[in-house]
Amino acid sequence: MSHQKPGDLDYCVILNPSAGSGHALKEWPKIKAAFNEHGLNYHRMTTEGPGEAVRFSMSAAQEGYDVIVAVGGDGTAHEVINGLMQVRNEVESLPALGLIGVGRGNDFTHAVGVPVEINSAVRTLVKDQRRTIDIGHVEGGYYPGGRFFGNCVGVGFDAVGTIEAAKLPRLGGFLSFFIAVIKTIFLYHRGPLIELNHNGEVLKQRILMVSIMNGQRLGGGFWMAPQSAPDDGIFDICVVRQVPRRRVLTLVPHFLRGTQASQPEVLSLRASEIEVFALEGSLPAQTDGEILSIDDTHLKIALLPRALSVVTVR
């Protein structure tokens, strides 16, 4: 819990106007009115392209803002997390992360317990209850120097599904992801043979996908790790072995209900350090909905325990 009253805090609001296919910009007047109603001191910064939220959050942290509020979807939160984590050793006090989820999936917002409804999200900021969460770090693909993440790293099927979902910008969040999943069943029919190193153990398996979860869900409604918590010091890992297309169709309802662990093709693991190697094929991968790799063959993932403070209701 912060020792300052919210009216005494300085908020840097980073708005991604294109989040949710323009939904974020459309909702800004409502967000602004709620901020003004509660007397919050804020400065708004508006992104115009990829990577700007990283730079904005770095500079805001260095300027001494108390809370940096990501107004957008999972991609916006992902960039703000990366900005904050990059300067965590350079500033006297790292700002807390605030969230107003106006994207498509808002999976990270859900994972840390922030309500999506705008007035409720702003009231959460006003109450200023803090939760210190774990943050993940992944090396490989387009980011050999590493990338921080809040919700997940997905390898295989869900990465290809993320690419397909991005081609459906006009649809609602969950609907986009659901249609993308159905398309991916027909596009991605043979996954890589991988070696998965976790907790000193080695798994060799041809996989449909591997989801390394700090949160619980993907795509606004696919429960990859229903029991996961972002502050328990460990990743929940969902491994699905290669299955025929018709079997993928029958597995989808289990992921919608979070009951996939009961299926023989699904393996649930837990680890804080993971390496994935492609022994055959490659590793299409995404992190927090951002494409991480298309044809790389090695990813290294580590958990940073209790690394970031988030303003939340629980």
C-alpha atoms as a PDB file:
ATOM      1  CA  MET A   1       0.000   0.000   0.000  1.00  0.00           C
ATOM      2  CA  SER A   2       1.316   3.437  -0.904  1.00  0.00           C
ATOM      3  CA  HIS A   3       1.826   5.898   1.963  1.00  0.00           C
ATOM      4  CA  GLN A   4       0.736   8.805  -0.214  1.00  0.00           C
ATOM      5  CA  LYS A   5      -2.778   9.839  -1.092  1.00  0.00           C
ATOM      6  CA  PRO A   6      -3.628   9.348  -4.805  1.00  0.00           C
ATOM      7  CA  GLY A   7      -4.132  13.108  -5.193  1.00  0.00           C
ATOM      8  CA  ASP A   8      -0.499  13.572  -4.143  1.00  0.00           C
ATOM      9  CA  LEU A   9       0.838  11.060  -6.677  1.00  0.00           C
ATOM     10  CA  ASP A  10       2.056  11.915 -10.162  1.00  0.00           C
ATOM     11  CA  TYR A  11       0.730   9.649 -12.897  1.00  0.00           C
ATOM     12  CA  CYS A  12       2.202   9.280 -16.351  1.00  0.00           C
ATOM     13  CA  VAL A  13      -0.507   7.958 -18.665  1.00  0.00           C
ATOM     14  CA  ILE A  14       0.789   6.200 -21.777  1.00  0.00           C
ATOM     15  CA  LEU A  15      -2.023   5.910 -24.301  1.00  0.00           C
ATOM     16  CA  ASN A  16      -1.831   3.622 -27.303  1.00  0.00           C
ATOM     17  CA  PRO A  17      -4.593   5.069 -29.528  1.00  0.00           C
ATOM     18  CA  SER A  18      -4.571   2.072 -31.882  1.00  0.00           C
ATOM     19  CA  ALA A  19      -5.110  -0.523 -29.130  1.00  0.00           C
ATOM     20  CA  GLY A  20      -8.264  -2.544 -29.587  1.00  0.00           C
ATOM     21  CA  SER A  21      -8.504  -1.373 -33.215  1.00  0.00           C
ATOM     22  CA  GLY A  22      -8.974   2.208 -32.050  1.00  0.00           C
ATOM     23  CA  HIS A  23     -11.077   1.367 -28.977  1.00  0.00           C
ATOM     24  CA  ALA A  24      -8.493   2.979 -26.682  1.00  0.00           C
ATOM     25  CA  LEU A  25      -8.733   6.337 -28.402  1.00  0.00           C
ATOM     26  CA  LYS A  26     -12.533   6.174 -28.468  1.00  0.00           C
ATOM     27  CA  GLU A  27     -12.590   5.573 -24.717  1.00  0.00           C
ATOM     28  CA  TRP A  28     -10.097   8.314 -23.839  1.00  0.00           C
ATOM     29  CA  PRO A  29     -12.742  11.009 -23.079  1.00  0.00           C
ATOM     30  CA  LYS A  30     -14.329   8.659 -20.526  1.00  0.00           C
ATOM     31  CA  ILE A  31     -10.929   7.859 -19.010  1.00  0.00           C
ATOM     32  CA  LYS A  32     -10.003  11.546 -18.861  1.00  0.00           C
ATOM     33  CA  ALA A  33     -13.295  12.414 -17.162  1.00  0.00           C
ATOM     34  CA  ALA A  34     -12.721   9.721 -14.532  1.00  0.00           C
ATOM     35  CA  PHE A  35      -9.190  10.970 -13.849  1.00  0.00           C
ATOM     36  CA  ASN A  36     -10.460  14.527 -13.450  1.00  0.00           C
ATOM     37  CA  GLU A  37     -13.372  13.454 -11.259  1.00  0.00           C
ATOM     38  CA  HIS A  38     -10.979  11.860  -8.786  1.00  0.00           C
ATOM     39  CA  GLY A  39      -8.471  14.711  -8.948  1.00  0.00           C
ATOM     40  CA  LEU A  40      -5.552  12.631 -10.199  1.00  0.00           C
ATOM     41  CA  ASN A  41      -2.462  14.517 -11.330  1.00  0.00           C
ATOM     42  CA  TYR A  42      -1.468  13.100 -14.677  1.00  0.00           C
ATOM     43  CA  HIS A  43       0.488  13.786 -17.829  1.00  0.00           C
ATOM     44  CA  ARG A  44      -0.562  11.971 -20.988  1.00  0.00           C
ATOM     45  CA  MET A  45       1.871  10.638 -23.569  1.00  0.00           C
ATOM     46  CA  THR A  46       0.428   9.200 -26.788  1.00  0.00           C
ATOM     47  CA  THR A  47       2.275   6.567 -28.786  1.00  0.00           C
ATOM     48  CA  GLU A  48       2.510   6.711 -32.557  1.00  0.00           C
ATOM     49  CA  GLY A  49       4.206   3.400 -33.251  1.00  0.00           C
ATOM     50  CA  PRO A  50       5.848   0.252 -31.895  1.00  0.00           C
ATOM     51  CA  GLY A  51       8.506   0.762 -29.231  1.00  0.00           C
ATOM     52  CA  GLU A  52       7.372   4.211 -28.138  1.00  0.00           C
ATOM     53  CA  ALA A  53       5.715   3.005 -24.945  1.00  0.00           C
ATOM     54  CA  VAL A  54       9.073   1.457 -23.983  1.00  0.00           C
ATOM     55  CA  ARG A  55      10.862   4.777 -24.440  1.00  0.00           C
ATOM     56  CA  PHE A  56       8.082   6.784 -22.779  1.00  0.00           C
ATOM     57  CA  SER A  57       8.013   4.579 -19.685  1.00  0.00           C
ATOM     58  CA  MET A  58      11.803   4.680 -19.367  1.00  0.00           C
ATOM     59  CA  SER A  59      11.846   8.480 -19.442  1.00  0.00           C
ATOM     60  CA  ALA A  60       8.836   8.733 -17.100  1.00  0.00           C
ATOM     61  CA  ALA A  61      10.568   6.491 -14.563  1.00  0.00           C
ATOM     62  CA  GLN A  62      13.729   8.584 -14.799  1.00  0.00           C
ATOM     63  CA  GLU A  63      11.661  11.750 -14.317  1.00  0.00           C
ATOM     64  CA  GLY A  64      10.277  10.397 -11.044  1.00  0.00           C
ATOM     65  CA  TYR A  65       6.630   9.646 -11.761  1.00  0.00           C
ATOM     66  CA  ASP A  66       4.973   7.572  -9.056  1.00  0.00           C
ATOM     67  CA  VAL A  67       2.708   5.463 -11.289  1.00  0.00           C
ATOM     68  CA  ILE A  68       2.910   4.759 -15.005  1.00  0.00           C
ATOM     69  CA  VAL A  69      -0.497   3.843 -16.412  1.00  0.00           C
ATOM     70  CA  ALA A  70      -0.639   1.735 -19.581  1.00  0.00           C
ATOM     71  CA  VAL A  71      -3.841   2.578 -21.468  1.00  0.00           C
ATOM     72  CA  GLY A  72      -4.153  -0.060 -24.163  1.00  0.00           C
ATOM     73  CA  GLY A  73      -3.999  -3.821 -24.455  1.00  0.00           C
ATOM     74  CA  ASP A  74      -1.486  -6.522 -23.672  1.00  0.00           C
ATOM     75  CA  GLY A  75       0.997  -5.105 -26.171  1.00  0.00           C
ATOM     76  CA  THR A  76       0.967  -1.695 -24.500  1.00  0.00           C
ATOM     77  CA  ALA A  77       1.409  -3.215 -21.041  1.00  0.00           C
ATOM     78  CA  HIS A  78       4.214  -5.368 -22.456  1.00  0.00           C
ATOM     79  CA  GLU A  79       6.110  -2.323 -23.727  1.00  0.00           C
ATOM     80  CA  VAL A  80       5.638  -0.379 -20.485  1.00  0.00           C
ATOM     81  CA  ILE A  81       6.887  -3.382 -18.495  1.00  0.00           C
ATOM     82  CA  ASN A  82       9.976  -3.491 -20.708  1.00  0.00           C
ATOM     83  CA  GLY A  83      10.632   0.202 -20.222  1.00  0.00           C
ATOM     84  CA  LEU A  84      10.324  -0.049 -16.450  1.00  0.00           C
ATOM     85  CA  MET A  85      12.448  -3.162 -16.159  1.00  0.00           C
ATOM     86  CA  GLN A  86      15.212  -1.678 -18.280  1.00  0.00           C
ATOM     87  CA  VAL A  87      15.702   1.226 -15.845  1.00  0.00           C
ATOM     88  CA  ARG A  88      14.985  -0.624 -12.593  1.00  0.00           C
ATOM     89  CA  ASN A  89      18.624  -0.422 -11.503  1.00  0.00           C
ATOM     90  CA  GLU A  90      19.043   3.204 -12.583  1.00  0.00           C
ATOM     91  CA  VAL A  91      16.308   4.933 -10.583  1.00  0.00           C
ATOM     92  CA  GLU A  92      15.981   5.455  -6.842  1.00  0.00           C
ATOM     93  CA  SER A  93      12.375   4.232  -6.778  1.00  0.00           C
ATOM     94  CA  LEU A  94      10.772   2.324  -9.640  1.00  0.00           C
ATOM     95  CA  PRO A  95       7.250   3.557 -10.433  1.00  0.00           C
ATOM     96  CA  ALA A  96       4.315   1.214  -9.987  1.00  0.00           C
ATOM     97  CA  LEU A  97       2.468  -0.011 -13.055  1.00  0.00           C
ATOM     98  CA  GLY A  98      -1.168   1.012 -13.494  1.00  0.00           C
ATOM     99  CA  LEU A  99      -3.440  -0.593 -16.083  1.00  0.00           C
ATOM    100  CA  ILE A 100      -6.522   0.449 -18.009  1.00  0.00           C
ATOM    101  CA  GLY A 101      -7.303  -2.455 -20.321  1.00  0.00           C
ATOM    102  CA  VAL A 102      -8.853  -1.236 -23.558  1.00  0.00           C
ATOM    103  CA  GLY A 103      -7.243  -3.750 -25.904  1.00  0.00           C
ATOM    104  CA  ARG A 104      -8.590  -6.934 -27.429  1.00  0.00           C
ATOM    105  CA  GLY A 105      -7.531  -9.664 -25.013  1.00  0.00           C
ATOM    106  CA  ASN A 106      -6.532  -7.771 -21.829  1.00  0.00           C
ATOM    107  CA  ASP A 107      -5.107 -11.038 -20.515  1.00  0.00           C
ATOM    108  CA  PHE A 108      -2.359  -9.451 -18.410  1.00  0.00           C
ATOM    109  CA  THR A 109      -4.834  -7.001 -16.883  1.00  0.00           C
ATOM    110  CA  HIS A 110      -6.937  -9.991 -15.861  1.00  0.00           C
ATOM    111  CA  ALA A 111      -3.895 -11.897 -14.552  1.00  0.00           C
ATOM    112  CA  VAL A 112      -2.994  -9.212 -12.023  1.00  0.00           C
ATOM    113  CA  GLY A 113      -6.587  -8.549 -10.952  1.00  0.00           C
ATOM    114  CA  VAL A 114      -7.402  -5.168 -12.509  1.00  0.00           C
ATOM    115  CA  PRO A 115     -11.022  -4.738 -13.661  1.00  0.00           C
ATOM    116  CA  VAL A 116     -11.526  -3.946 -17.341  1.00  0.00           C
ATOM    117  CA  GLU A 117     -14.500  -1.594 -16.871  1.00  0.00           C
ATOM    118  CA  ILE A 118     -13.034   1.910 -17.123  1.00  0.00           C
ATOM    119  CA  ASN A 119     -14.520   3.569 -14.050  1.00  0.00           C
ATOM    120  CA  SER A 120     -13.609   0.530 -11.959  1.00  0.00           C
ATOM    121  CA  ALA A 121     -10.064   0.595 -13.337  1.00  0.00           C
ATOM    122  CA  VAL A 122      -9.669   4.269 -12.418  1.00  0.00           C
ATOM    123  CA  ARG A 123     -11.119   3.658  -8.937  1.00  0.00           C
ATOM    124  CA  THR A 124      -8.470   0.954  -8.587  1.00  0.00           C
ATOM    125  CA  LEU A 125      -5.824   3.597  -9.232  1.00  0.00           C
ATOM    126  CA  VAL A 126      -7.476   5.874  -6.663  1.00  0.00           C
ATOM    127  CA  LYS A 127      -7.418   3.166  -3.979  1.00  0.00           C
ATOM    128  CA  ASP A 128      -3.727   2.620  -4.808  1.00  0.00           C
ATOM    129  CA  GLN A 129      -3.446  -0.928  -3.520  1.00  0.00           C
ATOM    130  CA  ARG A 130      -0.147  -2.469  -4.635  1.00  0.00           C
ATOM    131  CA  ARG A 131       0.758  -6.055  -5.547  1.00  0.00           C
ATOM    132  CA  THR A 132       4.335  -7.061  -6.306  1.00  0.00           C
ATOM    133  CA  ILE A 133       4.430  -9.545  -9.175  1.00  0.00           C
ATOM    134  CA  ASP A 134       6.931 -11.773 -10.927  1.00  0.00           C
ATOM    135  CA  ILE A 135       8.201 -10.786 -14.367  1.00  0.00           C
ATOM    136  CA  GLY A 136       9.528 -13.116 -17.031  1.00  0.00           C
ATOM    137  CA  HIS A 137      12.563 -12.653 -19.274  1.00  0.00           C
ATOM    138  CA  VAL A 138      13.029 -14.413 -22.608  1.00  0.00           C
ATOM    139  CA  GLU A 139      16.108 -14.489 -24.839  1.00  0.00           C
ATOM    140  CA  GLY A 140      16.052 -15.513 -28.485  1.00  0.00           C
ATOM    141  CA  GLY A 141      14.378 -14.789 -31.779  1.00  0.00           C
ATOM    142  CA  TYR A 142      14.136 -11.100 -32.586  1.00  0.00           C
ATOM    143  CA  TYR A 143      15.421 -10.231 -29.094  1.00  0.00           C
ATOM    144  CA  PRO A 144      18.761 -12.013 -28.534  1.00  0.00           C
ATOM    145  CA  GLY A 145      19.476  -9.499 -25.764  1.00  0.00           C
ATOM    146  CA  GLY A 146      16.226 -10.446 -24.070  1.00  0.00           C
ATOM    147  CA  ARG A 147      12.671  -9.229 -23.614  1.00  0.00           C
ATOM    148  CA  PHE A 148      10.652  -8.932 -20.413  1.00  0.00           C
ATOM    149  CA  PHE A 149       7.080 -10.198 -20.241  1.00  0.00           C
ATOM    150  CA  GLY A 150       4.171 -10.131 -17.842  1.00  0.00           C
ATOM    151  CA  ASN A 151       1.784 -12.802 -19.082  1.00  0.00           C
ATOM    152  CA  CYS A 152       3.334 -15.485 -21.280  1.00  0.00           C
ATOM    153  CA  VAL A 153       5.651 -16.929 -23.858  1.00  0.00           C
ATOM    154  CA  GLY A 154       3.903 -19.190 -26.354  1.00  0.00           C
ATOM    155  CA  VAL A 155       5.689 -21.543 -28.760  1.00  0.00           C
ATOM    156  CA  GLY A 156       4.073 -23.216 -31.757  1.00  0.00           C
ATOM    157  CA  PHE A 157       0.329 -23.186 -32.309  1.00  0.00           C
ATOM    158  CA  ASP A 158      -0.546 -20.136 -30.221  1.00  0.00           C
ATOM    159  CA  ALA A 159       2.228 -18.064 -31.846  1.00  0.00           C
ATOM    160  CA  VAL A 160       0.856 -18.857 -35.305  1.00  0.00           C
ATOM    161  CA  GLY A 161      -2.617 -18.099 -33.957  1.00  0.00           C
ATOM    162  CA  THR A 162      -1.372 -14.709 -32.743  1.00  0.00           C
ATOM    163  CA  ILE A 163      -0.144 -13.896 -36.244  1.00  0.00           C
ATOM    164  CA  GLU A 164      -3.519 -14.882 -37.688  1.00  0.00           C
ATOM    165  CA  ALA A 165      -5.432 -12.872 -35.061  1.00  0.00           C
ATOM    166  CA  ALA A 166      -3.470  -9.771 -36.046  1.00  0.00           C
ATOM    167  CA  LYS A 167      -4.952 -10.107 -39.538  1.00  0.00           C
ATOM    168  CA  LEU A 168      -8.465  -9.719 -38.091  1.00  0.00           C
ATOM    169  CA  PRO A 169      -8.317  -6.197 -36.607  1.00  0.00           C
ATOM    170  CA  ARG A 170     -11.963  -5.284 -37.044  1.00  0.00           C
ATOM    171  CA  LEU A 171     -13.394  -8.075 -34.928  1.00  0.00           C
ATOM    172  CA  GLY A 172     -13.865  -8.107 -31.175  1.00  0.00           C
ATOM    173  CA  GLY A 173     -11.107  -9.491 -28.964  1.00  0.00           C
ATOM    174  CA  PHE A 174     -12.130 -13.035 -28.134  1.00  0.00           C
ATOM    175  CA  LEU A 175     -13.888 -13.514 -31.497  1.00  0.00           C
ATOM    176  CA  SER A 176     -10.683 -12.577 -33.341  1.00  0.00           C
ATOM    177  CA  PHE A 177      -8.669 -15.093 -31.376  1.00  0.00           C
ATOM    178  CA  PHE A 178     -11.282 -17.811 -31.707  1.00  0.00           C
ATOM    179  CA  ILE A 179     -11.443 -17.433 -35.507  1.00  0.00           C
ATOM    180  CA  ALA A 180      -7.629 -17.346 -35.602  1.00  0.00           C
ATOM    181  CA  VAL A 181      -7.482 -20.625 -33.660  1.00  0.00           C
ATOM    182  CA  ILE A 182      -9.793 -22.317 -36.166  1.00  0.00           C
ATOM    183  CA  LYS A 183      -7.698 -21.004 -39.079  1.00  0.00           C
ATOM    184  CA  THR A 184      -4.490 -22.138 -37.399  1.00  0.00           C
ATOM    185  CA  ILE A 185      -5.782 -25.700 -37.077  1.00  0.00           C
ATOM    186  CA  PHE A 186      -5.595 -25.915 -40.869  1.00  0.00           C
ATOM    187  CA  LEU A 187      -2.410 -23.847 -41.298  1.00  0.00           C
ATOM    188  CA  TYR A 188      -0.184 -25.338 -38.602  1.00  0.00           C
ATOM    189  CA  HIS A 189      -0.380 -29.088 -38.784  1.00  0.00           C
ATOM    190  CA  ARG A 190       3.158 -30.179 -37.894  1.00  0.00           C
ATOM    191  CA  GLY A 191       5.015 -28.715 -34.947  1.00  0.00           C
ATOM    192  CA  PRO A 192       8.712 -29.012 -34.120  1.00  0.00           C
ATOM    193  CA  LEU A 193      10.518 -31.771 -32.293  1.00  0.00           C
ATOM    194  CA  ILE A 194      11.747 -29.971 -29.204  1.00  0.00           C
ATOM    195  CA  GLU A 195      13.974 -30.457 -26.213  1.00  0.00           C
ATOM    196  CA  LEU A 196      12.522 -28.717 -23.176  1.00  0.00           C
ATOM    197  CA  ASN A 197      14.881 -28.277 -20.232  1.00  0.00           C
ATOM    198  CA  HIS A 198      13.142 -27.425 -16.958  1.00  0.00           C
ATOM    199  CA  ASN A 199      14.226 -27.819 -13.338  1.00  0.00           C
ATOM    200  CA  GLY A 200      17.150 -29.990 -14.424  1.00  0.00           C
ATOM    201  CA  GLU A 201      14.847 -32.362 -16.297  1.00  0.00           C
ATOM    202  CA  VAL A 202      14.697 -32.882 -20.066  1.00  0.00           C
ATOM    203  CA  LEU A 203      11.595 -33.534 -22.161  1.00  0.00           C
ATOM    204  CA  LYS A 204      11.946 -34.498 -25.829  1.00  0.00           C
ATOM    205  CA  GLN A 205       8.644 -34.346 -27.685  1.00  0.00           C
ATOM    206  CA  ARG A 206       7.104 -33.307 -30.990  1.00  0.00           C
ATOM    207  CA  ILE A 207       4.731 -30.602 -29.857  1.00  0.00           C
ATOM    208  CA  LEU A 208       1.738 -28.688 -31.051  1.00  0.00           C
ATOM    209  CA  MET A 209       2.543 -25.938 -28.570  1.00  0.00           C
ATOM    210  CA  VAL A 210       4.220 -24.961 -25.335  1.00  0.00           C
ATOM    211  CA  SER A 211       2.732 -22.126 -23.270  1.00  0.00           C
ATOM    212  CA  ILE A 212       4.905 -20.725 -20.494  1.00  0.00           C
ATOM    213  CA  MET A 213       2.504 -18.807 -18.289  1.00  0.00           C
ATOM    214  CA  ASN A 214       2.922 -16.146 -15.636  1.00  0.00           C
ATOM    215  CA  GLY A 215      -0.790 -15.334 -16.036  1.00  0.00           C
ATOM    216  CA  GLN A 216      -3.722 -17.661 -16.621  1.00  0.00           C
ATOM    217  CA  ARG A 217      -5.122 -17.122 -20.088  1.00  0.00           C
ATOM    218  CA  LEU A 218      -4.517 -16.126 -23.715  1.00  0.00           C
ATOM    219  CA  GLY A 219      -6.761 -14.599 -26.358  1.00  0.00           C
ATOM    220  CA  GLY A 220      -9.315 -13.280 -23.908  1.00  0.00           C
ATOM    221  CA  GLY A 221     -10.695 -16.702 -22.998  1.00  0.00           C
ATOM    222  CA  PHE A 222      -8.291 -19.617 -23.525  1.00  0.00           C
ATOM    223  CA  TRP A 223      -7.317 -20.801 -20.031  1.00  0.00           C
ATOM    224  CA  MET A 224      -3.803 -22.122 -20.550  1.00  0.00           C
ATOM    225  CA  ALA A 225      -2.945 -22.233 -16.820  1.00  0.00           C
ATOM    226  CA  PRO A 226      -6.058 -21.698 -14.680  1.00  0.00           C
ATOM    227  CA  GLN A 227      -4.167 -22.165 -11.405  1.00  0.00           C
ATOM    228  CA  SER A 228      -1.279 -19.846 -12.248  1.00  0.00           C
ATOM    229  CA  ALA A 229      -0.570 -16.747 -10.150  1.00  0.00           C
ATOM    230  CA  PRO A 230       1.756 -13.913 -11.200  1.00  0.00           C
ATOM    231  CA  ASP A 231       3.359 -13.698  -7.764  1.00  0.00           C
ATOM    232  CA  ASP A 232       3.996 -17.352  -6.869  1.00  0.00           C
ATOM    233  CA  GLY A 233       7.641 -17.436  -7.990  1.00  0.00           C
ATOM    234  CA  ILE A 234       7.180 -20.032 -10.731  1.00  0.00           C
ATOM    235  CA  PHE A 235       5.879 -20.426 -14.277  1.00  0.00           C
ATOM    236  CA  ASP A 236       3.055 -22.793 -15.141  1.00  0.00           C
ATOM    237  CA  ILE A 237       3.838 -24.628 -18.390  1.00  0.00           C
ATOM    238  CA  CYS A 238       1.281 -26.243 -20.669  1.00  0.00           C
ATOM    239  CA  VAL A 239       2.738 -28.693 -23.208  1.00  0.00           C
ATOM    240  CA  VAL A 240       0.493 -30.140 -25.912  1.00  0.00           C
ATOM    241  CA  ARG A 241       2.035 -32.930 -27.948  1.00  0.00           C
ATOM    242  CA  GLN A 242       1.519 -33.202 -31.693  1.00  0.00           C
ATOM    243  CA  VAL A 243      -2.007 -34.390 -32.454  1.00  0.00           C
ATOM    244  CA  PRO A 244      -4.103 -34.739 -35.638  1.00  0.00           C
ATOM    245  CA  ARG A 245      -6.160 -31.755 -36.742  1.00  0.00           C
ATOM    246  CA  ARG A 246      -9.432 -33.391 -35.775  1.00  0.00           C
ATOM    247  CA  ARG A 247      -8.101 -33.850 -32.234  1.00  0.00           C
ATOM    248  CA  VAL A 248      -7.188 -30.154 -31.992  1.00  0.00           C
ATOM    249  CA  LEU A 249     -10.839 -29.330 -32.621  1.00  0.00           C
ATOM    250  CA  THR A 250     -11.907 -31.487 -29.696  1.00  0.00           C
ATOM    251  CA  LEU A 251      -9.205 -30.036 -27.420  1.00  0.00           C
ATOM    252  CA  VAL A 252     -10.322 -26.415 -27.987  1.00  0.00           C
ATOM    253  CA  PRO A 253     -13.385 -26.682 -25.679  1.00  0.00           C
ATOM    254  CA  HIS A 254     -11.127 -27.947 -22.885  1.00  0.00           C
ATOM    255  CA  PHE A 255      -8.948 -24.833 -23.176  1.00  0.00           C
ATOM    256  CA  LEU A 256     -12.065 -22.667 -23.094  1.00  0.00           C
ATOM    257  CA  ARG A 257     -13.068 -24.359 -19.814  1.00  0.00           C
ATOM    258  CA  GLY A 258      -9.552 -24.772 -18.422  1.00  0.00           C
ATOM    259  CA  THR A 259      -9.915 -28.560 -18.193  1.00  0.00           C
ATOM    260  CA  GLN A 260      -7.172 -29.520 -20.675  1.00  0.00           C
ATOM    261  CA  ALA A 261      -4.934 -31.014 -17.960  1.00  0.00           C
ATOM    262  CA  SER A 262      -7.345 -33.969 -17.876  1.00  0.00           C
ATOM    263  CA  GLN A 263      -6.465 -34.865 -21.478  1.00  0.00           C
ATOM    264  CA  PRO A 264      -3.680 -37.417 -22.182  1.00  0.00           C
ATOM    265  CA  GLU A 265      -2.007 -35.230 -24.832  1.00  0.00           C
ATOM    266  CA  VAL A 266      -1.555 -32.328 -22.392  1.00  0.00           C
ATOM    267  CA  LEU A 267       1.273 -32.142 -19.876  1.00  0.00           C
ATOM    268  CA  SER A 268       1.385 -29.584 -17.048  1.00  0.00           C
ATOM    269  CA  LEU A 269       4.775 -28.563 -15.642  1.00  0.00           C
ATOM    270  CA  ARG A 270       6.143 -25.877 -13.337  1.00  0.00           C
ATOM    271  CA  ALA A 271       9.579 -24.255 -13.476  1.00  0.00           C
ATOM    272  CA  SER A 272      11.325 -20.927 -12.982  1.00  0.00           C
ATOM    273  CA  GLU A 273      13.986 -21.471 -15.660  1.00  0.00           C
ATOM    274  CA  ILE A 274      13.294 -23.059 -19.043  1.00  0.00           C
ATOM    275  CA  GLU A 275      15.221 -23.627 -22.260  1.00  0.00           C
ATOM    276  CA  VAL A 276      13.560 -24.760 -25.458  1.00  0.00           C
ATOM    277  CA  PHE A 277      15.530 -26.146 -28.411  1.00  0.00           C
ATOM    278  CA  ALA A 278      14.116 -27.148 -31.800  1.00  0.00           C
ATOM    279  CA  LEU A 279      15.772 -30.431 -32.753  1.00  0.00           C
ATOM    280  CA  GLU A 280      13.690 -30.525 -35.953  1.00  0.00           C
ATOM    281  CA  GLY A 281      11.817 -27.562 -37.386  1.00  0.00           C
ATOM    282  CA  SER A 282      11.737 -24.113 -35.796  1.00  0.00           C
ATOM    283  CA  LEU A 283      10.143 -22.263 -32.883  1.00  0.00           C
ATOM    284  CA  PRO A 284       7.451 -19.775 -33.889  1.00  0.00           C
ATOM    285  CA  ALA A 285       6.960 -17.868 -30.645  1.00  0.00           C
ATOM    286  CA  GLN A 286       5.111 -14.935 -29.145  1.00  0.00           C
ATOM    287  CA  THR A 287       5.383 -13.077 -25.871  1.00  0.00           C
ATOM    288  CA  ASP A 288       2.403 -11.136 -24.500  1.00  0.00           C
ATOM    289  CA  GLY A 289       0.910 -11.190 -27.997  1.00  0.00           C
ATOM    290  CA  GLU A 290       4.039  -9.764 -29.663  1.00  0.00           C
ATOM    291  CA  ILE A 291       5.851 -11.946 -32.195  1.00  0.00           C
ATOM    292  CA  LEU A 292       9.140 -13.113 -30.734  1.00  0.00           C
ATOM    293  CA  SER A 293      10.385 -15.629 -33.295  1.00  0.00           C
ATOM    294  CA  ILE A 294       9.429 -17.199 -36.600  1.00  0.00           C
ATOM    295  CA  ASP A 295      12.280 -19.552 -37.417  1.00  0.00           C
ATOM    296  CA  ASP A 296      14.633 -19.442 -34.427  1.00  0.00           C
ATOM    297  CA  THR A 297      15.646 -22.710 -32.766  1.00  0.00           C
ATOM    298  CA  HIS A 298      16.500 -21.730 -29.180  1.00  0.00           C
ATOM    299  CA  LEU A 299      14.694 -19.781 -26.455  1.00  0.00           C
ATOM    300  CA  LYS A 300      15.776 -19.226 -22.864  1.00  0.00           C
ATOM    301  CA  ILE A 301      13.209 -18.117 -20.295  1.00  0.00           C
ATOM    302  CA  ALA A 302      13.758 -17.084 -16.682  1.00  0.00           C
ATOM    303  CA  LEU A 303      11.550 -15.748 -13.902  1.00  0.00           C
ATOM    304  CA  LEU A 304      12.422 -12.628 -11.918  1.00  0.00           C
ATOM    305  CA  PRO A 305      10.547 -12.991  -8.609  1.00  0.00           C
ATOM    306  CA  ARG A 306       8.626 -10.036  -7.177  1.00  0.00           C
ATOM    307  CA  ALA A 307      10.172  -7.655  -9.679  1.00  0.00           C
ATOM    308  CA  LEU A 308       7.429  -5.058 -10.317  1.00  0.00           C
ATOM    309  CA  SER A 309       4.708  -3.348  -8.307  1.00  0.00           C
ATOM    310  CA  VAL A 310       1.248  -3.163  -9.882  1.00  0.00           C
ATOM    311  CA  VAL A 311      -1.748  -1.109  -8.746  1.00  0.00           C
ATOM    312  CA  THR A 312      -4.579  -3.626  -8.425  1.00  0.00           C
ATOM    313  CA  VAL A 313      -7.574  -4.677  -6.353  1.00  0.00           C
ATOM    314  CA  ARG A 314      -5.979  -7.838  -4.953  1.00  0.00           C
END
